[in-house]
Amino acid sequence: MVAPQYPPARGDTAPLPRIPAAPGRSGGPLLKALGLVAVAVVAGLVWWLVRHDAGDTAVAQPPAKEFAFTAAEGPVASTDCASKSTDEVKKWFGTHQCQALSRALYTTTAGGSTALVSVALVTMPTADEAQQLKALADRDGTGNVSDLVRDGTAKISGAPKLADGAYSSRANANRVTIVLSAFFDGHADKATLSRVNAEALDLSAQFG
């Protein structure tokens, strides 16, 4: 016996049939694509941080040196700067006692010739006195701190007269570095010797 069919009550609607989801279409490809994008972003961020940190901690390398210096004598230490200097510089030390004096000799090859280089490091009580000493020694005809050849401490065959070569100086706090250089063969090249002196000024840092 078939049950009687009644039309739906007014205002009611018939239930909508449920449509089953298609297999494998639950948003899988989209989620996978989003996941790959997220991984790429994270990897890129990590790589940037690594490179950024490496750049911050990188240490600048000093410029390559043009000349190689070989120690020939010293350093010789003293506290009597007056007896180790000449002319007005000697007189100045008579009223401005230095704390320490270190002197050394080096050789280097420059422009195809061998040069002798004197490096003297004078330590004064104050930075102001160091500047005074530098200003005095920088003037022509005022004398200088004697190199080890001039005062007879070093015996080097054929050593040139360093006072006839190139002169350079530098004051740093209460210290003054004075450099003299000249070629053994009498070769005159002040431009090359000036470059030698510029690098030789750094040698005084080895004196302590």
N, C-alpha and C. Protein backbone atom coordinates (compact mmCIF):
# COMPACT_ATOMS: atom_id res chain seq x y z
N MET A 1 0.85 -1.18 0.00
CA MET A 1 0.00 0.00 0.00
C MET A 1 0.89 1.23 0.00
N VAL A 2 0.62 2.12 -0.91
CA VAL A 2 1.43 3.34 -1.06
C VAL A 2 0.88 4.42 -0.17
N ALA A 3 1.81 5.04 0.60
CA ALA A 3 1.37 6.10 1.51
C ALA A 3 0.94 7.30 0.72
N PRO A 4 -0.06 7.97 1.20
CA PRO A 4 -0.54 9.14 0.47
C PRO A 4 0.50 10.24 0.43
N GLN A 5 0.57 10.95 -0.68
CA GLN A 5 1.53 12.04 -0.86
C GLN A 5 0.83 13.36 -0.55
N TYR A 6 1.44 14.14 0.34
CA TYR A 6 0.87 15.43 0.70
C TYR A 6 1.78 16.54 0.19
N PRO A 7 1.26 17.52 -0.35
CA PRO A 7 2.11 18.65 -0.79
C PRO A 7 2.70 19.35 0.41
N PRO A 8 3.88 19.96 0.24
CA PRO A 8 4.53 20.64 1.38
C PRO A 8 3.68 21.78 1.87
N ALA A 9 3.74 22.00 3.16
CA ALA A 9 2.94 23.09 3.74
C ALA A 9 3.41 24.40 3.18
N ARG A 10 2.46 25.36 3.09
CA ARG A 10 2.78 26.67 2.55
C ARG A 10 3.82 27.36 3.43
N GLY A 11 4.81 27.92 2.77
CA GLY A 11 5.91 28.58 3.51
C GLY A 11 7.06 27.66 3.75
N ASP A 12 6.89 26.38 3.56
CA ASP A 12 7.99 25.43 3.73
C ASP A 12 8.64 25.17 2.38
N THR A 13 9.88 24.76 2.42
CA THR A 13 10.56 24.36 1.17
C THR A 13 11.03 22.95 1.33
N ALA A 14 11.18 22.32 0.22
CA ALA A 14 11.65 20.93 0.26
C ALA A 14 13.10 20.92 0.62
N PRO A 15 13.56 19.91 1.37
CA PRO A 15 14.98 19.83 1.73
C PRO A 15 15.85 19.70 0.49
N LEU A 16 16.98 20.47 0.48
CA LEU A 16 17.89 20.42 -0.67
C LEU A 16 18.75 19.18 -0.59
N PRO A 17 18.97 18.55 -1.71
CA PRO A 17 19.82 17.34 -1.68
C PRO A 17 21.26 17.70 -1.37
N ARG A 18 21.99 16.91 -0.60
CA ARG A 18 23.40 17.13 -0.29
C ARG A 18 24.25 16.66 -1.45
N ILE A 19 25.20 17.51 -1.85
CA ILE A 19 26.09 17.16 -2.96
C ILE A 19 27.40 16.70 -2.38
N PRO A 20 27.77 15.48 -2.58
CA PRO A 20 29.04 14.99 -2.01
C PRO A 20 30.23 15.72 -2.61
N ALA A 21 31.27 15.98 -1.77
CA ALA A 21 32.49 16.65 -2.26
C ALA A 21 33.22 15.74 -3.19
N ALA A 22 33.77 16.33 -4.24
CA ALA A 22 34.54 15.53 -5.18
C ALA A 22 35.80 15.02 -4.52
N PRO A 23 36.19 13.80 -4.79
CA PRO A 23 37.40 13.24 -4.17
C PRO A 23 38.63 14.07 -4.52
N GLY A 24 39.48 14.30 -3.51
CA GLY A 24 40.75 15.00 -3.76
C GLY A 24 40.60 16.47 -4.01
N ARG A 25 39.47 17.09 -3.71
CA ARG A 25 39.29 18.53 -3.98
C ARG A 25 39.00 19.28 -2.69
N SER A 26 39.73 18.97 -1.63
CA SER A 26 39.55 19.64 -0.34
C SER A 26 40.55 20.78 -0.16
N GLY A 27 40.99 21.45 -1.28
CA GLY A 27 41.93 22.59 -1.20
C GLY A 27 43.37 22.15 -1.12
N GLY A 28 43.71 20.90 -1.42
CA GLY A 28 45.07 20.39 -1.29
C GLY A 28 46.11 21.15 -2.09
N PRO A 29 45.95 21.32 -3.41
CA PRO A 29 46.98 22.02 -4.19
C PRO A 29 47.22 23.44 -3.72
N LEU A 30 46.16 24.14 -3.36
CA LEU A 30 46.31 25.52 -2.88
C LEU A 30 47.12 25.58 -1.60
N LEU A 31 46.80 24.66 -0.67
CA LEU A 31 47.53 24.64 0.60
C LEU A 31 48.99 24.30 0.39
N LYS A 32 49.23 23.36 -0.54
CA LYS A 32 50.62 22.99 -0.81
C LYS A 32 51.38 24.18 -1.39
N ALA A 33 50.73 24.91 -2.30
CA ALA A 33 51.39 26.07 -2.90
C ALA A 33 51.69 27.13 -1.85
N LEU A 34 50.73 27.38 -0.97
CA LEU A 34 50.95 28.36 0.10
C LEU A 34 52.07 27.91 1.03
N GLY A 35 52.12 26.62 1.29
CA GLY A 35 53.18 26.09 2.15
C GLY A 35 54.55 26.29 1.54
N LEU A 36 54.67 26.04 0.21
CA LEU A 36 55.94 26.24 -0.47
C LEU A 36 56.37 27.70 -0.45
N VAL A 37 55.40 28.60 -0.64
CA VAL A 37 55.71 30.03 -0.58
C VAL A 37 56.22 30.43 0.80
N ALA A 38 55.57 29.91 1.84
CA ALA A 38 55.99 30.22 3.21
C ALA A 38 57.40 29.72 3.48
N VAL A 39 57.71 28.51 3.01
CA VAL A 39 59.06 27.95 3.21
C VAL A 39 60.10 28.81 2.49
N ALA A 40 59.76 29.24 1.27
CA ALA A 40 60.70 30.07 0.51
C ALA A 40 60.95 31.40 1.21
N VAL A 41 59.90 31.99 1.75
CA VAL A 41 60.05 33.28 2.46
C VAL A 41 60.93 33.12 3.68
N VAL A 42 60.69 32.07 4.45
CA VAL A 42 61.50 31.84 5.66
C VAL A 42 62.95 31.59 5.30
N ALA A 43 63.17 30.76 4.26
CA ALA A 43 64.55 30.47 3.85
C ALA A 43 65.26 31.74 3.39
N GLY A 44 64.53 32.57 2.64
CA GLY A 44 65.14 33.82 2.19
C GLY A 44 65.48 34.74 3.35
N LEU A 45 64.62 34.80 4.35
CA LEU A 45 64.87 35.63 5.52
C LEU A 45 66.09 35.14 6.29
N VAL A 46 66.20 33.84 6.45
CA VAL A 46 67.35 33.28 7.17
C VAL A 46 68.64 33.59 6.42
N TRP A 47 68.62 33.43 5.09
CA TRP A 47 69.82 33.71 4.29
C TRP A 47 70.21 35.19 4.39
N TRP A 48 69.22 36.09 4.36
CA TRP A 48 69.51 37.51 4.49
C TRP A 48 70.14 37.82 5.83
N LEU A 49 69.60 37.20 6.90
CA LEU A 49 70.15 37.44 8.23
C LEU A 49 71.58 36.96 8.33
N VAL A 50 71.87 35.80 7.73
CA VAL A 50 73.23 35.26 7.78
C VAL A 50 74.20 36.19 7.07
N ARG A 51 73.80 36.65 5.88
CA ARG A 51 74.68 37.54 5.13
C ARG A 51 74.81 38.89 5.81
N HIS A 52 73.71 39.37 6.41
CA HIS A 52 73.75 40.66 7.11
C HIS A 52 74.70 40.60 8.30
N ASP A 53 74.59 39.51 9.08
CA ASP A 53 75.48 39.36 10.25
C ASP A 53 76.92 39.25 9.80
N ALA A 54 77.16 38.50 8.71
CA ALA A 54 78.53 38.34 8.24
C ALA A 54 79.12 39.67 7.80
N GLY A 55 78.26 40.52 7.19
CA GLY A 55 78.75 41.83 6.77
C GLY A 55 79.09 42.71 7.95
N ASP A 56 78.30 42.61 9.04
CA ASP A 56 78.56 43.44 10.22
C ASP A 56 79.84 43.05 10.93
N THR A 57 80.18 41.75 10.90
CA THR A 57 81.34 41.30 11.65
C THR A 57 82.60 41.23 10.81
N ALA A 58 82.50 41.56 9.52
CA ALA A 58 83.68 41.50 8.67
C ALA A 58 84.68 42.57 9.11
N VAL A 59 85.98 42.20 9.14
CA VAL A 59 87.04 43.11 9.55
C VAL A 59 87.75 43.63 8.31
N ALA A 60 87.85 44.93 8.20
CA ALA A 60 88.51 45.52 7.04
C ALA A 60 89.99 45.16 7.05
N GLN A 61 90.48 44.70 5.93
CA GLN A 61 91.87 44.32 5.82
C GLN A 61 92.73 45.54 5.53
N PRO A 62 93.90 45.66 6.20
CA PRO A 62 94.78 46.80 5.93
C PRO A 62 95.32 46.72 4.50
N PRO A 63 95.64 47.85 3.91
CA PRO A 63 96.19 47.83 2.55
C PRO A 63 97.52 47.10 2.50
N ALA A 64 97.80 46.48 1.38
CA ALA A 64 99.05 45.74 1.22
C ALA A 64 100.23 46.70 1.29
N LYS A 65 101.32 46.23 1.92
CA LYS A 65 102.52 47.05 2.05
C LYS A 65 103.35 46.98 0.77
N GLU A 66 103.98 48.09 0.44
CA GLU A 66 104.83 48.14 -0.75
C GLU A 66 106.23 47.65 -0.46
N PHE A 67 106.69 47.84 0.78
CA PHE A 67 108.08 47.54 1.12
C PHE A 67 108.17 46.52 2.24
N ALA A 68 109.23 45.71 2.19
CA ALA A 68 109.53 44.75 3.25
C ALA A 68 110.78 45.23 3.98
N PHE A 69 110.68 45.35 5.30
CA PHE A 69 111.79 45.88 6.09
C PHE A 69 112.48 44.75 6.85
N THR A 70 113.81 44.76 6.80
CA THR A 70 114.63 43.78 7.51
C THR A 70 115.40 44.49 8.61
N ALA A 71 115.28 43.99 9.83
CA ALA A 71 115.98 44.62 10.96
C ALA A 71 117.48 44.51 10.77
N ALA A 72 118.18 45.65 10.96
CA ALA A 72 119.64 45.67 10.84
C ALA A 72 120.32 45.94 12.17
N GLU A 73 119.64 46.65 13.06
CA GLU A 73 120.19 46.97 14.39
C GLU A 73 119.06 47.43 15.30
N GLY A 74 119.11 46.98 16.56
CA GLY A 74 118.15 47.45 17.55
C GLY A 74 116.85 46.66 17.55
N PRO A 75 115.85 47.20 18.27
CA PRO A 75 115.84 48.54 18.87
C PRO A 75 116.71 48.66 20.12
N VAL A 76 117.30 49.85 20.27
CA VAL A 76 118.14 50.18 21.41
C VAL A 76 117.39 51.20 22.26
N ALA A 77 117.25 50.90 23.55
CA ALA A 77 116.46 51.75 24.45
C ALA A 77 117.35 52.68 25.28
N SER A 78 116.81 53.85 25.61
CA SER A 78 117.52 54.82 26.43
C SER A 78 116.51 55.76 27.05
N THR A 79 116.95 56.51 28.06
CA THR A 79 116.12 57.55 28.65
C THR A 79 116.82 58.91 28.58
N ASP A 80 118.02 58.94 27.98
CA ASP A 80 118.79 60.17 27.87
C ASP A 80 118.68 60.70 26.44
N CYS A 81 117.59 61.41 26.16
CA CYS A 81 117.37 61.91 24.81
C CYS A 81 118.32 63.04 24.45
N ALA A 82 118.74 63.83 25.43
CA ALA A 82 119.62 64.96 25.15
C ALA A 82 120.95 64.49 24.57
N SER A 83 121.53 63.44 25.15
CA SER A 83 122.82 62.96 24.66
C SER A 83 122.70 62.21 23.34
N LYS A 84 121.47 61.87 22.94
CA LYS A 84 121.25 61.13 21.70
C LYS A 84 120.65 62.03 20.62
N SER A 85 120.85 63.33 20.73
CA SER A 85 120.29 64.26 19.75
C SER A 85 121.29 65.38 19.48
N THR A 86 120.94 66.28 18.55
CA THR A 86 121.87 67.32 18.11
C THR A 86 121.21 68.69 18.07
N ASP A 87 122.05 69.71 18.13
CA ASP A 87 121.67 71.10 17.89
C ASP A 87 120.50 71.57 18.77
N GLU A 88 119.51 72.25 18.18
CA GLU A 88 118.41 72.80 18.97
C GLU A 88 117.56 71.72 19.62
N VAL A 89 117.43 70.60 18.96
CA VAL A 89 116.67 69.48 19.56
C VAL A 89 117.37 69.03 20.84
N LYS A 90 118.70 68.98 20.81
CA LYS A 90 119.46 68.61 22.00
C LYS A 90 119.21 69.60 23.14
N LYS A 91 119.23 70.89 22.83
CA LYS A 91 118.99 71.92 23.84
C LYS A 91 117.56 71.80 24.40
N TRP A 92 116.62 71.54 23.52
CA TRP A 92 115.23 71.43 23.95
C TRP A 92 115.06 70.29 24.95
N PHE A 93 115.73 69.16 24.68
CA PHE A 93 115.66 68.04 25.61
C PHE A 93 116.30 68.37 26.96
N GLY A 94 117.17 69.38 26.98
CA GLY A 94 117.78 69.78 28.24
C GLY A 94 116.77 70.33 29.23
N THR A 95 115.66 70.87 28.73
CA THR A 95 114.61 71.40 29.60
C THR A 95 113.29 70.64 29.49
N HIS A 96 113.27 69.63 28.64
CA HIS A 96 112.07 68.80 28.46
C HIS A 96 112.52 67.32 28.44
N GLN A 97 112.65 66.76 29.61
CA GLN A 97 113.16 65.40 29.72
C GLN A 97 112.18 64.39 29.11
N CYS A 98 112.69 63.54 28.25
CA CYS A 98 111.84 62.50 27.67
C CYS A 98 111.69 61.35 28.67
N GLN A 99 110.67 60.55 28.47
CA GLN A 99 110.47 59.36 29.31
C GLN A 99 111.19 58.15 28.77
N ALA A 100 111.29 58.06 27.44
CA ALA A 100 111.94 56.90 26.83
C ALA A 100 112.32 57.21 25.40
N LEU A 101 113.35 56.53 24.92
CA LEU A 101 113.79 56.64 23.54
C LEU A 101 114.15 55.25 23.04
N SER A 102 113.59 54.86 21.90
CA SER A 102 113.93 53.58 21.26
C SER A 102 114.33 53.87 19.83
N ARG A 103 115.46 53.30 19.39
CA ARG A 103 115.94 53.53 18.03
C ARG A 103 116.33 52.20 17.38
N ALA A 104 116.10 52.12 16.07
CA ALA A 104 116.43 50.90 15.34
C ALA A 104 116.78 51.26 13.90
N LEU A 105 117.45 50.32 13.22
CA LEU A 105 117.80 50.48 11.82
C LEU A 105 117.22 49.31 11.03
N TYR A 106 116.80 49.61 9.81
CA TYR A 106 116.25 48.59 8.91
C TYR A 106 116.81 48.81 7.51
N THR A 107 116.74 47.77 6.71
CA THR A 107 117.05 47.89 5.29
C THR A 107 115.82 47.47 4.49
N THR A 108 115.71 48.03 3.30
CA THR A 108 114.62 47.65 2.40
C THR A 108 115.06 47.91 0.97
N THR A 109 114.45 47.21 0.05
CA THR A 109 114.73 47.41 -1.38
C THR A 109 113.64 48.30 -1.97
N ALA A 110 114.05 49.36 -2.62
CA ALA A 110 113.10 50.31 -3.20
C ALA A 110 113.67 50.87 -4.49
N GLY A 111 112.91 50.80 -5.57
CA GLY A 111 113.37 51.34 -6.84
C GLY A 111 114.63 50.67 -7.35
N GLY A 112 114.82 49.40 -7.00
CA GLY A 112 115.99 48.66 -7.47
C GLY A 112 117.24 48.89 -6.65
N SER A 113 117.17 49.72 -5.62
CA SER A 113 118.31 49.99 -4.75
C SER A 113 117.97 49.65 -3.31
N THR A 114 119.02 49.45 -2.50
CA THR A 114 118.83 49.16 -1.08
C THR A 114 118.93 50.43 -0.26
N ALA A 115 117.97 50.61 0.62
CA ALA A 115 117.94 51.82 1.45
C ALA A 115 118.14 51.44 2.91
N LEU A 116 118.80 52.31 3.65
CA LEU A 116 118.93 52.17 5.09
C LEU A 116 117.90 53.10 5.73
N VAL A 117 117.18 52.59 6.73
CA VAL A 117 116.09 53.34 7.35
C VAL A 117 116.29 53.40 8.85
N SER A 118 116.25 54.60 9.41
CA SER A 118 116.33 54.78 10.86
C SER A 118 114.96 55.12 11.40
N VAL A 119 114.56 54.44 12.47
CA VAL A 119 113.27 54.70 13.13
C VAL A 119 113.55 55.00 14.59
N ALA A 120 113.12 56.17 15.04
CA ALA A 120 113.29 56.56 16.44
C ALA A 120 111.92 56.86 17.03
N LEU A 121 111.67 56.33 18.23
CA LEU A 121 110.42 56.58 18.94
C LEU A 121 110.73 57.29 20.25
N VAL A 122 110.23 58.52 20.38
CA VAL A 122 110.45 59.33 21.59
C VAL A 122 109.14 59.40 22.36
N THR A 123 109.20 59.06 23.64
CA THR A 123 108.02 59.15 24.51
C THR A 123 108.21 60.31 25.46
N MET A 124 107.28 61.28 25.40
CA MET A 124 107.34 62.46 26.24
C MET A 124 106.30 62.35 27.35
N PRO A 125 106.42 63.16 28.41
CA PRO A 125 105.44 63.10 29.50
C PRO A 125 104.03 63.48 29.07
N THR A 126 103.91 64.41 28.10
CA THR A 126 102.58 64.88 27.70
C THR A 126 102.48 64.93 26.18
N ALA A 127 101.23 64.95 25.69
CA ALA A 127 100.98 65.07 24.26
C ALA A 127 101.41 66.44 23.75
N ASP A 128 101.27 67.47 24.58
CA ASP A 128 101.68 68.82 24.18
C ASP A 128 103.18 68.88 23.93
N GLU A 129 103.97 68.25 24.79
CA GLU A 129 105.42 68.24 24.59
C GLU A 129 105.80 67.43 23.36
N ALA A 130 105.04 66.39 23.07
CA ALA A 130 105.29 65.60 21.86
C ALA A 130 105.08 66.46 20.61
N GLN A 131 104.04 67.27 20.62
CA GLN A 131 103.78 68.16 19.49
C GLN A 131 104.88 69.21 19.36
N GLN A 132 105.37 69.72 20.50
CA GLN A 132 106.45 70.69 20.47
C GLN A 132 107.72 70.09 19.85
N LEU A 133 108.03 68.86 20.25
CA LEU A 133 109.21 68.19 19.72
C LEU A 133 109.08 67.98 18.21
N LYS A 134 107.93 67.52 17.79
CA LYS A 134 107.73 67.30 16.36
C LYS A 134 107.88 68.59 15.56
N ALA A 135 107.27 69.66 16.05
CA ALA A 135 107.35 70.95 15.35
C ALA A 135 108.79 71.44 15.25
N LEU A 136 109.58 71.23 16.30
CA LEU A 136 110.98 71.65 16.29
C LEU A 136 111.80 70.79 15.34
N ALA A 137 111.66 69.48 15.41
CA ALA A 137 112.45 68.58 14.56
C ALA A 137 112.06 68.72 13.09
N ASP A 138 110.82 69.10 12.81
CA ASP A 138 110.37 69.24 11.43
C ASP A 138 111.01 70.42 10.71
N ARG A 139 111.50 71.38 11.46
CA ARG A 139 112.11 72.57 10.85
C ARG A 139 113.54 72.26 10.41
N ASP A 140 113.91 72.77 9.26
CA ASP A 140 115.27 72.57 8.76
C ASP A 140 116.29 73.27 9.65
N GLY A 141 117.42 72.62 9.85
CA GLY A 141 118.53 73.23 10.57
C GLY A 141 118.40 73.24 12.07
N THR A 142 117.44 72.48 12.63
CA THR A 142 117.25 72.50 14.08
C THR A 142 117.83 71.26 14.76
N GLY A 143 118.44 70.38 13.98
CA GLY A 143 118.96 69.15 14.57
C GLY A 143 117.92 68.05 14.58
N ASN A 144 118.28 66.95 15.24
CA ASN A 144 117.39 65.79 15.22
C ASN A 144 117.83 64.80 16.29
N VAL A 145 117.02 63.76 16.45
CA VAL A 145 117.46 62.61 17.25
C VAL A 145 118.46 61.84 16.42
N SER A 146 119.62 61.54 16.97
CA SER A 146 120.67 60.87 16.21
C SER A 146 120.29 59.43 15.88
N ASP A 147 120.59 59.01 14.67
CA ASP A 147 120.39 57.60 14.30
C ASP A 147 121.55 56.77 14.85
N LEU A 148 121.41 55.47 14.85
CA LEU A 148 122.39 54.58 15.47
C LEU A 148 123.73 54.55 14.73
N VAL A 149 123.74 54.90 13.45
CA VAL A 149 125.00 54.98 12.71
C VAL A 149 125.74 56.25 13.10
N ARG A 150 125.01 57.34 13.15
CA ARG A 150 125.63 58.63 13.45
C ARG A 150 126.28 58.65 14.82
N ASP A 151 125.63 58.05 15.84
CA ASP A 151 126.22 58.09 17.19
C ASP A 151 127.20 56.95 17.44
N GLY A 152 127.49 56.15 16.42
CA GLY A 152 128.50 55.11 16.52
C GLY A 152 128.02 53.80 17.14
N THR A 153 126.73 53.69 17.45
CA THR A 153 126.22 52.45 18.05
C THR A 153 126.26 51.31 17.04
N ALA A 154 125.88 51.57 15.80
CA ALA A 154 125.83 50.55 14.75
C ALA A 154 127.00 50.73 13.78
N LYS A 155 127.63 49.63 13.44
CA LYS A 155 128.73 49.63 12.47
C LYS A 155 128.25 48.89 11.22
N ILE A 156 127.82 49.63 10.23
CA ILE A 156 127.29 49.05 8.99
C ILE A 156 128.15 49.53 7.83
N SER A 157 128.76 48.60 7.14
CA SER A 157 129.67 48.93 6.05
C SER A 157 128.93 49.67 4.93
N GLY A 158 129.52 50.78 4.53
CA GLY A 158 128.94 51.55 3.42
C GLY A 158 127.65 52.27 3.77
N ALA A 159 127.35 52.42 5.05
CA ALA A 159 126.09 53.05 5.45
C ALA A 159 126.03 54.49 4.94
N PRO A 160 124.93 54.89 4.37
CA PRO A 160 124.80 56.27 3.89
C PRO A 160 124.59 57.24 5.04
N LYS A 161 124.79 58.52 4.77
CA LYS A 161 124.52 59.56 5.75
C LYS A 161 123.02 59.83 5.71
N LEU A 162 122.32 59.36 6.72
CA LEU A 162 120.86 59.43 6.71
C LEU A 162 120.32 60.85 6.74
N ALA A 163 121.07 61.78 7.32
CA ALA A 163 120.62 63.17 7.37
C ALA A 163 120.50 63.78 5.99
N ASP A 164 121.17 63.18 4.99
CA ASP A 164 121.12 63.69 3.63
C ASP A 164 119.97 63.07 2.82
N GLY A 165 119.24 62.15 3.43
CA GLY A 165 118.17 61.47 2.73
C GLY A 165 116.81 62.11 2.97
N ALA A 166 115.82 61.27 3.22
CA ALA A 166 114.44 61.76 3.42
C ALA A 166 114.06 61.69 4.89
N TYR A 167 113.26 62.66 5.31
CA TYR A 167 112.84 62.78 6.71
C TYR A 167 111.32 62.73 6.79
N SER A 168 110.79 62.03 7.83
CA SER A 168 109.35 62.02 8.10
C SER A 168 109.15 61.92 9.60
N SER A 169 108.00 62.41 10.09
CA SER A 169 107.71 62.30 11.51
C SER A 169 106.21 62.19 11.72
N ARG A 170 105.84 61.68 12.88
CA ARG A 170 104.43 61.55 13.23
C ARG A 170 104.29 61.59 14.75
N ALA A 171 103.34 62.39 15.24
CA ALA A 171 103.04 62.45 16.67
C ALA A 171 101.74 61.73 16.94
N ASN A 172 101.74 60.89 17.95
CA ASN A 172 100.54 60.16 18.35
C ASN A 172 100.47 60.19 19.87
N ALA A 173 99.52 60.97 20.39
CA ALA A 173 99.42 61.17 21.85
C ALA A 173 100.75 61.75 22.33
N ASN A 174 101.41 61.08 23.29
CA ASN A 174 102.66 61.62 23.83
C ASN A 174 103.90 60.99 23.20
N ARG A 175 103.73 60.39 22.02
CA ARG A 175 104.85 59.75 21.34
C ARG A 175 105.13 60.39 19.99
N VAL A 176 106.41 60.49 19.65
CA VAL A 176 106.83 61.03 18.36
C VAL A 176 107.71 60.00 17.67
N THR A 177 107.36 59.66 16.44
CA THR A 177 108.18 58.75 15.63
C THR A 177 108.90 59.58 14.57
N ILE A 178 110.21 59.38 14.47
CA ILE A 178 111.03 60.11 13.49
C ILE A 178 111.73 59.09 12.61
N VAL A 179 111.60 59.26 11.29
CA VAL A 179 112.18 58.32 10.33
C VAL A 179 113.13 59.06 9.40
N LEU A 180 114.29 58.47 9.17
CA LEU A 180 115.26 58.95 8.20
C LEU A 180 115.61 57.80 7.27
N SER A 181 115.79 58.08 5.99
CA SER A 181 116.16 57.01 5.05
C SER A 181 117.06 57.56 3.95
N ALA A 182 117.94 56.69 3.43
CA ALA A 182 118.83 57.06 2.32
C ALA A 182 119.29 55.78 1.64
N PHE A 183 119.65 55.89 0.36
CA PHE A 183 120.12 54.74 -0.40
C PHE A 183 121.62 54.50 -0.18
N PHE A 184 121.99 53.24 -0.14
CA PHE A 184 123.40 52.89 0.04
C PHE A 184 124.25 53.37 -1.13
N ASP A 185 123.74 53.29 -2.34
CA ASP A 185 124.53 53.62 -3.52
C ASP A 185 124.51 55.09 -3.88
N GLY A 186 123.96 55.92 -3.00
CA GLY A 186 123.91 57.35 -3.27
C GLY A 186 122.81 57.74 -4.23
N HIS A 187 121.98 56.78 -4.61
CA HIS A 187 120.87 57.07 -5.54
C HIS A 187 119.94 58.12 -4.92
N ALA A 188 119.60 59.15 -5.68
CA ALA A 188 118.75 60.23 -5.17
C ALA A 188 117.34 60.06 -5.73
N ASP A 189 116.42 59.71 -4.86
CA ASP A 189 115.01 59.54 -5.27
C ASP A 189 114.14 59.84 -4.05
N LYS A 190 113.92 61.12 -3.80
CA LYS A 190 113.18 61.53 -2.61
C LYS A 190 111.73 61.03 -2.64
N ALA A 191 111.15 60.94 -3.83
CA ALA A 191 109.76 60.48 -3.94
C ALA A 191 109.63 59.04 -3.45
N THR A 192 110.57 58.19 -3.86
CA THR A 192 110.53 56.79 -3.42
C THR A 192 110.82 56.69 -1.93
N LEU A 193 111.81 57.45 -1.46
CA LEU A 193 112.14 57.41 -0.04
C LEU A 193 110.99 57.93 0.81
N SER A 194 110.22 58.84 0.30
CA SER A 194 109.06 59.34 1.04
C SER A 194 108.03 58.23 1.23
N ARG A 195 107.87 57.37 0.22
CA ARG A 195 106.95 56.24 0.35
C ARG A 195 107.50 55.22 1.35
N VAL A 196 108.82 55.05 1.32
CA VAL A 196 109.47 54.16 2.30
C VAL A 196 109.21 54.67 3.71
N ASN A 197 109.41 55.96 3.91
CA ASN A 197 109.22 56.55 5.24
C ASN A 197 107.78 56.41 5.72
N ALA A 198 106.83 56.58 4.81
CA ALA A 198 105.42 56.51 5.19
C ALA A 198 105.09 55.15 5.79
N GLU A 199 105.68 54.10 5.26
CA GLU A 199 105.45 52.76 5.81
C GLU A 199 106.33 52.50 7.03
N ALA A 200 107.53 53.06 7.04
CA ALA A 200 108.45 52.84 8.16
C ALA A 200 107.94 53.49 9.44
N LEU A 201 107.11 54.51 9.34
CA LEU A 201 106.55 55.13 10.54
C LEU A 201 105.78 54.12 11.39
N ASP A 202 105.21 53.12 10.75
CA ASP A 202 104.43 52.12 11.49
C ASP A 202 105.31 51.15 12.27
N LEU A 203 106.62 51.10 11.93
CA LEU A 203 107.51 50.14 12.58
C LEU A 203 107.70 50.45 14.07
N SER A 204 107.54 51.71 14.45
CA SER A 204 107.73 52.06 15.86
C SER A 204 106.72 51.39 16.78
N ALA A 205 105.61 50.91 16.22
CA ALA A 205 104.62 50.20 17.04
C ALA A 205 105.18 48.90 17.59
N GLN A 206 106.24 48.39 16.98
CA GLN A 206 106.87 47.15 17.44
C GLN A 206 107.79 47.38 18.63
N PHE A 207 108.08 48.63 18.95
CA PHE A 207 109.02 48.91 20.04
C PHE A 207 108.40 48.75 21.42
N GLY A 208 107.07 48.70 21.48
CA GLY A 208 106.41 48.53 22.77
C GLY A 208 106.16 49.85 23.48
